[in-house]
Amino acid sequence: MANVNRAQARKRRHVRVRRKVVGTSERPRLNVYRSLEHIYAQVIDDSTGQTLVSASTIDGELREALASLPKQEQAKAVGMKVAERAKAKGIEQVVFDRGGYVYHGRIKALADGSREAGLVF
C-alpha cells in the first residue's frame, strides 16, 4: 500500500466521490480538473454523457486576461466564467465534483467563484 503515488491516490478518491456524485439533466455535475499550471471546469450531464459547458485557464477568452493573475484568482475567474456560461444555457443548479482533490485552495476558489456568479450547489 505504501507504493501508491499521489496521482493514483487522487484517482482512488475521485472514484469514491463519483459513486455518490452523479449529474442529471435537471442538476448536472460541475467537474474540476487541476494541473500544475492550469485549472479546468466543465458541467456534465451524466445521463447523456455530454459536456454542456466548460471553461479553463487555456480558454481563448480568458487566457490573456488571466496570465498575470495568481493561480487562486485564475481559478475564481474560471469558476465565474463556467457559471456565467451555464446560466446562459439555463442551468441554475449543479452538483460539485471536486475530482478527488482536497476542497481547499484553487478548488475552493473555483467553487466560490461559481457560487458568486449564481450557480447553486
Protein backbone atom coordinates (compact mmCIF):
# COMPACT_ATOMS: atom_id res chain seq x y z
CA MET A 1 0.00 0.00 0.00
CA ALA A 2 2.96 2.33 0.56
CA ASN A 3 3.78 2.28 -3.16
CA VAL A 4 0.69 4.27 -4.18
CA ASN A 5 1.71 7.58 -5.73
CA ARG A 6 -0.21 10.86 -5.45
CA ALA A 7 -1.94 10.51 -8.83
CA GLN A 8 -3.19 7.01 -8.01
CA ALA A 9 -4.41 8.17 -4.59
CA ARG A 10 -6.30 11.09 -6.20
CA LYS A 11 -7.81 8.74 -8.77
CA ARG A 12 -8.98 6.43 -5.97
CA ARG A 13 -10.55 9.37 -4.11
CA HIS A 14 -12.21 10.55 -7.33
CA VAL A 15 -13.77 7.12 -7.90
CA ARG A 16 -15.04 7.16 -4.31
CA VAL A 17 -16.57 10.63 -4.77
CA ARG A 18 -18.12 9.64 -8.12
CA ARG A 19 -20.02 6.76 -6.52
CA LYS A 20 -22.23 9.36 -4.88
CA VAL A 21 -21.99 12.38 -7.19
CA VAL A 22 -24.00 11.92 -10.39
CA GLY A 23 -25.13 14.67 -12.74
CA THR A 24 -28.65 14.56 -14.14
CA SER A 25 -30.36 16.70 -16.79
CA GLU A 26 -32.05 18.73 -14.04
CA ARG A 27 -28.87 19.04 -11.95
CA PRO A 28 -25.68 18.40 -13.93
CA ARG A 29 -22.24 17.79 -12.41
CA LEU A 30 -19.63 20.56 -12.17
CA ASN A 31 -16.34 18.70 -12.58
CA VAL A 32 -12.94 20.22 -11.78
CA TYR A 33 -9.51 19.17 -13.02
CA ARG A 34 -6.37 20.84 -11.75
CA SER A 35 -2.92 20.54 -13.26
CA LEU A 36 0.21 22.27 -12.03
CA GLU A 37 -0.24 25.12 -14.48
CA HIS A 38 -3.97 25.26 -15.33
CA ILE A 39 -7.45 24.58 -13.99
CA TYR A 40 -10.40 23.26 -15.97
CA ALA A 41 -14.12 23.13 -15.14
CA GLN A 42 -16.95 21.53 -17.06
CA VAL A 43 -20.64 21.00 -16.47
CA ILE A 44 -21.59 17.43 -17.44
CA ASP A 45 -24.93 15.68 -17.87
CA ASP A 46 -24.09 12.09 -16.92
CA SER A 47 -27.40 10.69 -18.17
CA THR A 48 -26.40 11.53 -21.77
CA GLY A 49 -22.64 11.68 -21.20
CA GLN A 50 -22.39 15.18 -22.66
CA THR A 51 -20.39 18.19 -21.60
CA LEU A 52 -22.83 21.12 -21.57
CA VAL A 53 -20.41 24.00 -20.86
CA SER A 54 -16.76 24.36 -19.96
CA ALA A 55 -14.14 26.95 -19.06
CA SER A 56 -10.45 26.82 -18.29
CA THR A 57 -7.34 28.93 -17.97
CA ILE A 58 -6.38 27.94 -21.54
CA ASP A 59 -9.73 29.21 -22.85
CA GLY A 60 -9.31 31.73 -25.67
CA GLU A 61 -11.46 34.38 -23.94
CA LEU A 62 -9.71 34.06 -20.59
CA ARG A 63 -6.09 33.27 -21.42
CA GLU A 64 -4.70 36.82 -21.84
CA ALA A 65 -6.75 38.29 -19.00
CA LEU A 66 -5.64 35.61 -16.53
CA ALA A 67 -1.96 35.42 -17.47
CA SER A 68 -0.81 37.98 -14.88
CA LEU A 69 -3.09 36.83 -12.02
CA PRO A 70 -2.15 34.42 -9.20
CA LYS A 71 -3.50 30.87 -9.58
CA GLN A 72 -6.27 31.22 -6.96
CA GLU A 73 -7.67 34.29 -8.70
CA GLN A 74 -7.42 32.48 -12.04
CA ALA A 75 -9.45 29.62 -10.53
CA LYS A 76 -12.08 32.05 -9.23
CA ALA A 77 -12.36 33.68 -12.67
CA VAL A 78 -12.76 30.27 -14.33
CA GLY A 79 -15.50 29.43 -11.81
CA MET A 80 -17.32 32.66 -12.60
CA LYS A 81 -16.99 32.07 -16.35
CA VAL A 82 -18.30 28.50 -16.23
CA ALA A 83 -21.24 29.68 -14.08
CA GLU A 84 -21.97 32.51 -16.50
CA ARG A 85 -21.99 30.09 -19.44
CA ALA A 86 -24.14 27.60 -17.52
CA LYS A 87 -26.71 30.26 -16.65
CA ALA A 88 -26.83 31.29 -20.32
CA LYS A 89 -27.84 27.69 -21.09
CA GLY A 90 -30.50 27.75 -18.35
CA ILE A 91 -28.56 25.73 -15.77
CA GLU A 92 -29.14 27.07 -12.25
CA GLN A 93 -28.24 24.11 -10.01
CA VAL A 94 -25.32 21.71 -10.17
CA VAL A 95 -23.63 19.08 -8.01
CA PHE A 96 -19.98 19.82 -7.30
CA ASP A 97 -17.44 17.14 -8.17
CA ARG A 98 -14.08 18.09 -6.67
CA GLY A 99 -12.36 15.36 -8.69
CA GLY A 100 -10.60 13.72 -5.76
CA TYR A 101 -8.84 16.95 -4.81
CA VAL A 102 -8.99 18.41 -1.30
CA TYR A 103 -11.65 21.15 -1.09
CA HIS A 104 -9.05 23.82 -0.45
CA GLY A 105 -7.05 26.44 -2.35
CA ARG A 106 -7.76 26.58 -6.09
CA ILE A 107 -10.64 24.07 -5.92
CA LYS A 108 -12.40 26.14 -3.24
CA ALA A 109 -11.69 29.37 -5.15
CA LEU A 110 -13.32 27.93 -8.28
CA ALA A 111 -16.36 26.80 -6.26
CA ASP A 112 -16.67 30.21 -4.58
CA GLY A 113 -16.44 31.97 -7.95
CA SER A 114 -19.19 29.75 -9.35
CA ARG A 115 -21.43 30.44 -6.37
CA GLU A 116 -20.76 34.18 -6.64
CA ALA A 117 -21.84 34.13 -10.28
CA GLY A 118 -25.13 32.46 -9.32
CA LEU A 119 -24.74 28.67 -9.52
CA VAL A 120 -26.39 26.79 -6.64
CA PHE A 121 -24.72 23.73 -5.12
